[in-house]
Amino acid sequence: MKQWQRGLLVLGLVGLLVGMGVHYGAAEDDHWPYPDEDDLAGQPAEHVGDEVFLFGTVTTVDADAGTATIRVEADAGSFSLTVHSFDRTVQPGGVVQVLGELTTERTVDAERVVVVNATGGAEWYKYGVSVIGAIVVLIAFFRYWRVDTDTWTFEVGHDG
């Protein structure tokens, strides 16, 4: 395969990837049945009785009452929601996703609560493990392969 053919193939694949991203961005609103955070921040009264799906950071938990307060981030700023039927163990600072019905402007009756990060530090743990995993993969790859800078191809590094 000649150099210009490889370049043309790469440009075609990049163009396909960009086109798929543009299509996804244009069609996402048509396939998402829930009001987003900006809708709930600006005009929550219009969505009372609707099913919502939100991510939020837990600020307080009342295990005895089965409720929690979460902070939801929107473009216009954050707002708080009270979640009823909250049956998960989460520390303040943890992140949850909530699926349920918006019963008042700032109250959700949860059908399902899923813990994303049980504590605020879990996010850093995930980033750290991902970086270490990427480094291990790169070391393993370049242990057996090398880049030939004359032809810009990968070649077996040694007889192994």
C-alpha atoms as a PDB file:
ATOM      1  CA  MET A   1       0.000   0.000   0.000  1.00  0.00           C
ATOM      2  CA  LYS A   2       1.443   3.355  -0.991  1.00  0.00           C
ATOM      3  CA  GLN A   3       1.862   6.267   1.400  1.00  0.00           C
ATOM      4  CA  TRP A   4      -0.838   8.427  -0.241  1.00  0.00           C
ATOM      5  CA  GLN A   5      -3.304   5.510  -0.086  1.00  0.00           C
ATOM      6  CA  ARG A   6      -2.705   5.135   3.643  1.00  0.00           C
ATOM      7  CA  GLY A   7      -3.218   8.861   4.113  1.00  0.00           C
ATOM      8  CA  LEU A   8      -6.439   8.759   2.128  1.00  0.00           C
ATOM      9  CA  LEU A   9      -7.665   5.786   4.166  1.00  0.00           C
ATOM     10  CA  VAL A  10      -6.871   7.569   7.441  1.00  0.00           C
ATOM     11  CA  LEU A  11      -8.633  10.741   6.261  1.00  0.00           C
ATOM     12  CA  GLY A  12     -11.675   8.696   5.226  1.00  0.00           C
ATOM     13  CA  LEU A  13     -11.846   6.956   8.602  1.00  0.00           C
ATOM     14  CA  VAL A  14     -11.440  10.244  10.489  1.00  0.00           C
ATOM     15  CA  GLY A  15     -14.166  11.784   8.315  1.00  0.00           C
ATOM     16  CA  LEU A  16     -16.457   8.838   9.071  1.00  0.00           C
ATOM     17  CA  LEU A  17     -15.794   9.202  12.799  1.00  0.00           C
ATOM     18  CA  VAL A  18     -16.535  12.947  12.721  1.00  0.00           C
ATOM     19  CA  GLY A  19     -19.693  12.347  10.688  1.00  0.00           C
ATOM     20  CA  MET A  20     -20.958   9.765  13.169  1.00  0.00           C
ATOM     21  CA  GLY A  21     -20.306  12.180  16.038  1.00  0.00           C
ATOM     22  CA  VAL A  22     -22.209  14.976  14.290  1.00  0.00           C
ATOM     23  CA  HIS A  23     -25.135  12.644  13.561  1.00  0.00           C
ATOM     24  CA  TYR A  24     -25.241  11.467  17.173  1.00  0.00           C
ATOM     25  CA  GLY A  25     -25.239  15.044  18.445  1.00  0.00           C
ATOM     26  CA  ALA A  26     -28.024  16.033  16.061  1.00  0.00           C
ATOM     27  CA  ALA A  27     -30.248  13.025  16.824  1.00  0.00           C
ATOM     28  CA  GLU A  28     -29.672  12.637  20.575  1.00  0.00           C
ATOM     29  CA  ASP A  29     -32.543  14.886  21.672  1.00  0.00           C
ATOM     30  CA  ASP A  30     -35.014  12.887  19.561  1.00  0.00           C
ATOM     31  CA  HIS A  31     -34.128   9.648  21.339  1.00  0.00           C
ATOM     32  CA  TRP A  32     -33.778  10.870  24.952  1.00  0.00           C
ATOM     33  CA  PRO A  33     -37.183  10.661  26.691  1.00  0.00           C
ATOM     34  CA  TYR A  34     -36.225  12.564  29.862  1.00  0.00           C
ATOM     35  CA  PRO A  35     -35.994  16.306  30.513  1.00  0.00           C
ATOM     36  CA  ASP A  36     -32.374  17.350  30.981  1.00  0.00           C
ATOM     37  CA  GLU A  37     -30.819  19.264  33.861  1.00  0.00           C
ATOM     38  CA  ASP A  38     -31.205  22.628  32.126  1.00  0.00           C
ATOM     39  CA  ASP A  39     -34.955  22.074  31.662  1.00  0.00           C
ATOM     40  CA  LEU A  40     -35.351  21.233  35.344  1.00  0.00           C
ATOM     41  CA  ALA A  41     -33.220  24.188  36.442  1.00  0.00           C
ATOM     42  CA  GLY A  42     -35.124  26.710  34.324  1.00  0.00           C
ATOM     43  CA  GLN A  43     -38.731  25.517  34.302  1.00  0.00           C
ATOM     44  CA  PRO A  44     -39.241  22.639  36.737  1.00  0.00           C
ATOM     45  CA  ALA A  45     -43.003  23.180  37.066  1.00  0.00           C
ATOM     46  CA  GLU A  46     -43.509  22.129  33.441  1.00  0.00           C
ATOM     47  CA  HIS A  47     -42.018  18.697  34.183  1.00  0.00           C
ATOM     48  CA  VAL A  48     -43.880  17.794  37.391  1.00  0.00           C
ATOM     49  CA  GLY A  49     -45.259  14.292  36.829  1.00  0.00           C
ATOM     50  CA  ASP A  50     -42.583  13.446  34.217  1.00  0.00           C
ATOM     51  CA  GLU A  51     -40.063  10.669  34.617  1.00  0.00           C
ATOM     52  CA  VAL A  52     -36.536  12.040  35.085  1.00  0.00           C
ATOM     53  CA  PHE A  53     -33.067  10.527  34.908  1.00  0.00           C
ATOM     54  CA  LEU A  54     -30.405  12.595  36.677  1.00  0.00           C
ATOM     55  CA  PHE A  55     -26.893  12.412  38.045  1.00  0.00           C
ATOM     56  CA  GLY A  56     -26.239  14.250  41.272  1.00  0.00           C
ATOM     57  CA  THR A  57     -23.786  14.685  44.111  1.00  0.00           C
ATOM     58  CA  VAL A  58     -25.178  13.658  47.492  1.00  0.00           C
ATOM     59  CA  THR A  59     -25.184  16.480  50.023  1.00  0.00           C
ATOM     60  CA  THR A  60     -27.207  14.891  52.855  1.00  0.00           C
ATOM     61  CA  VAL A  61     -28.753  11.497  53.604  1.00  0.00           C
ATOM     62  CA  ASP A  62     -31.544  10.765  56.089  1.00  0.00           C
ATOM     63  CA  ALA A  63     -31.545   6.961  56.276  1.00  0.00           C
ATOM     64  CA  ASP A  64     -34.411   6.878  58.797  1.00  0.00           C
ATOM     65  CA  ALA A  65     -36.724   8.820  56.479  1.00  0.00           C
ATOM     66  CA  GLY A  66     -35.370   7.182  53.316  1.00  0.00           C
ATOM     67  CA  THR A  67     -34.520  10.510  51.701  1.00  0.00           C
ATOM     68  CA  ALA A  68     -31.457  12.267  50.405  1.00  0.00           C
ATOM     69  CA  THR A  69     -30.650  15.656  48.988  1.00  0.00           C
ATOM     70  CA  ILE A  70     -28.572  15.774  45.822  1.00  0.00           C
ATOM     71  CA  ARG A  71     -26.958  18.667  43.977  1.00  0.00           C
ATOM     72  CA  VAL A  72     -27.508  18.541  40.217  1.00  0.00           C
ATOM     73  CA  GLU A  73     -25.234  20.539  37.899  1.00  0.00           C
ATOM     74  CA  ALA A  74     -26.815  22.485  35.014  1.00  0.00           C
ATOM     75  CA  ASP A  75     -25.487  25.118  32.605  1.00  0.00           C
ATOM     76  CA  ALA A  76     -27.228  27.886  34.550  1.00  0.00           C
ATOM     77  CA  GLY A  77     -25.800  26.645  37.857  1.00  0.00           C
ATOM     78  CA  SER A  78     -26.531  23.891  40.329  1.00  0.00           C
ATOM     79  CA  PHE A  79     -29.795  23.163  42.107  1.00  0.00           C
ATOM     80  CA  SER A  80     -30.857  20.779  44.865  1.00  0.00           C
ATOM     81  CA  LEU A  81     -33.407  17.975  44.682  1.00  0.00           C
ATOM     82  CA  THR A  82     -34.865  15.868  47.469  1.00  0.00           C
ATOM     83  CA  VAL A  83     -34.995  12.173  46.557  1.00  0.00           C
ATOM     84  CA  HIS A  84     -37.611   9.994  48.284  1.00  0.00           C
ATOM     85  CA  SER A  85     -37.289   6.178  48.418  1.00  0.00           C
ATOM     86  CA  PHE A  86     -33.519   6.566  48.699  1.00  0.00           C
ATOM     87  CA  ASP A  87     -32.295   3.148  49.843  1.00  0.00           C
ATOM     88  CA  ARG A  88     -28.561   3.266  49.168  1.00  0.00           C
ATOM     89  CA  THR A  89     -25.568   3.790  51.440  1.00  0.00           C
ATOM     90  CA  VAL A  90     -23.678   6.808  50.174  1.00  0.00           C
ATOM     91  CA  GLN A  91     -21.495   9.339  51.911  1.00  0.00           C
ATOM     92  CA  PRO A  92     -21.941  13.055  51.243  1.00  0.00           C
ATOM     93  CA  GLY A  93     -19.848  13.861  48.179  1.00  0.00           C
ATOM     94  CA  GLY A  94     -20.734  10.573  46.495  1.00  0.00           C
ATOM     95  CA  VAL A  95     -22.385  10.573  43.076  1.00  0.00           C
ATOM     96  CA  VAL A  96     -25.650   8.792  42.279  1.00  0.00           C
ATOM     97  CA  GLN A  97     -27.956   8.448  39.314  1.00  0.00           C
ATOM     98  CA  VAL A  98     -31.657   8.657  40.011  1.00  0.00           C
ATOM     99  CA  LEU A  99     -34.559   7.435  37.890  1.00  0.00           C
ATOM    100  CA  GLY A 100     -37.997   8.435  39.087  1.00  0.00           C
ATOM    101  CA  GLU A 101     -40.976  10.751  38.871  1.00  0.00           C
ATOM    102  CA  LEU A 102     -40.672  14.468  39.552  1.00  0.00           C
ATOM    103  CA  THR A 103     -43.477  14.884  42.123  1.00  0.00           C
ATOM    104  CA  THR A 104     -42.916  18.583  42.903  1.00  0.00           C
ATOM    105  CA  GLU A 105     -40.547  21.144  41.417  1.00  0.00           C
ATOM    106  CA  ARG A 106     -37.665  19.952  43.603  1.00  0.00           C
ATOM    107  CA  THR A 107     -38.693  16.441  44.721  1.00  0.00           C
ATOM    108  CA  VAL A 108     -38.190  13.097  42.990  1.00  0.00           C
ATOM    109  CA  ASP A 109     -39.874   9.839  43.976  1.00  0.00           C
ATOM    110  CA  ALA A 110     -37.127   7.397  42.997  1.00  0.00           C
ATOM    111  CA  GLU A 111     -37.879   4.127  41.249  1.00  0.00           C
ATOM    112  CA  ARG A 112     -34.193   3.303  41.123  1.00  0.00           C
ATOM    113  CA  VAL A 113     -31.028   4.786  42.619  1.00  0.00           C
ATOM    114  CA  VAL A 114     -27.608   3.624  41.448  1.00  0.00           C
ATOM    115  CA  VAL A 115     -24.395   4.618  43.212  1.00  0.00           C
ATOM    116  CA  VAL A 116     -21.764   5.798  40.740  1.00  0.00           C
ATOM    117  CA  ASN A 117     -19.122   6.832  43.293  1.00  0.00           C
ATOM    118  CA  ALA A 118     -19.789   5.986  46.929  1.00  0.00           C
ATOM    119  CA  THR A 119     -17.394   8.720  48.098  1.00  0.00           C
ATOM    120  CA  GLY A 120     -15.917  11.861  46.591  1.00  0.00           C
ATOM    121  CA  GLY A 121     -12.455  10.243  46.332  1.00  0.00           C
ATOM    122  CA  ALA A 122     -13.612   7.345  44.147  1.00  0.00           C
ATOM    123  CA  GLU A 123     -13.287   9.461  41.020  1.00  0.00           C
ATOM    124  CA  TRP A 124      -9.563  10.014  41.614  1.00  0.00           C
ATOM    125  CA  TYR A 125      -9.134   6.291  42.207  1.00  0.00           C
ATOM    126  CA  LYS A 126     -10.712   5.516  38.819  1.00  0.00           C
ATOM    127  CA  TYR A 127      -8.470   8.046  37.072  1.00  0.00           C
ATOM    128  CA  GLY A 128      -5.372   6.641  38.786  1.00  0.00           C
ATOM    129  CA  VAL A 129      -6.180   3.049  37.887  1.00  0.00           C
ATOM    130  CA  SER A 130      -6.848   4.080  34.275  1.00  0.00           C
ATOM    131  CA  VAL A 131      -3.506   5.879  33.984  1.00  0.00           C
ATOM    132  CA  ILE A 132      -1.631   2.918  35.473  1.00  0.00           C
ATOM    133  CA  GLY A 133      -3.449   0.544  33.102  1.00  0.00           C
ATOM    134  CA  ALA A 134      -2.561   2.698  30.085  1.00  0.00           C
ATOM    135  CA  ILE A 135       1.102   2.789  31.129  1.00  0.00           C
ATOM    136  CA  VAL A 136       1.186  -1.013  31.521  1.00  0.00           C
ATOM    137  CA  VAL A 137      -0.355  -1.484  28.063  1.00  0.00           C
ATOM    138  CA  LEU A 138       2.158   0.923  26.467  1.00  0.00           C
ATOM    139  CA  ILE A 139       5.093  -0.785  28.166  1.00  0.00           C
ATOM    140  CA  ALA A 140       3.878  -4.220  27.049  1.00  0.00           C
ATOM    141  CA  PHE A 141       3.335  -2.983  23.482  1.00  0.00           C
ATOM    142  CA  PHE A 142       6.718  -1.305  23.097  1.00  0.00           C
ATOM    143  CA  ARG A 143       8.471  -4.256  24.708  1.00  0.00           C
ATOM    144  CA  TYR A 144       7.688  -6.318  21.607  1.00  0.00           C
ATOM    145  CA  TRP A 145       7.248  -3.649  18.940  1.00  0.00           C
ATOM    146  CA  ARG A 146       9.213  -0.612  17.780  1.00  0.00           C
ATOM    147  CA  VAL A 147       8.564   2.243  15.360  1.00  0.00           C
ATOM    148  CA  ASP A 148      10.683   2.308  12.187  1.00  0.00           C
ATOM    149  CA  THR A 149      11.053   6.054  11.618  1.00  0.00           C
ATOM    150  CA  ASP A 150      12.189   5.577   7.999  1.00  0.00           C
ATOM    151  CA  THR A 151       8.894   4.017   6.876  1.00  0.00           C
ATOM    152  CA  TRP A 152       6.723   5.013   9.869  1.00  0.00           C
ATOM    153  CA  THR A 153       5.598   1.448  10.482  1.00  0.00           C
ATOM    154  CA  PHE A 154       5.617  -0.866  13.466  1.00  0.00           C
ATOM    155  CA  GLU A 155       8.093  -3.726  13.396  1.00  0.00           C
ATOM    156  CA  VAL A 156       8.888  -6.577  15.739  1.00  0.00           C
ATOM    157  CA  GLY A 157      11.410  -5.213  18.232  1.00  0.00           C
ATOM    158  CA  HIS A 158      13.511  -8.344  18.529  1.00  0.00           C
ATOM    159  CA  ASP A 159      13.291 -12.082  17.879  1.00  0.00           C
ATOM    160  CA  GLY A 160      11.030 -12.642  20.930  1.00  0.00           C
END
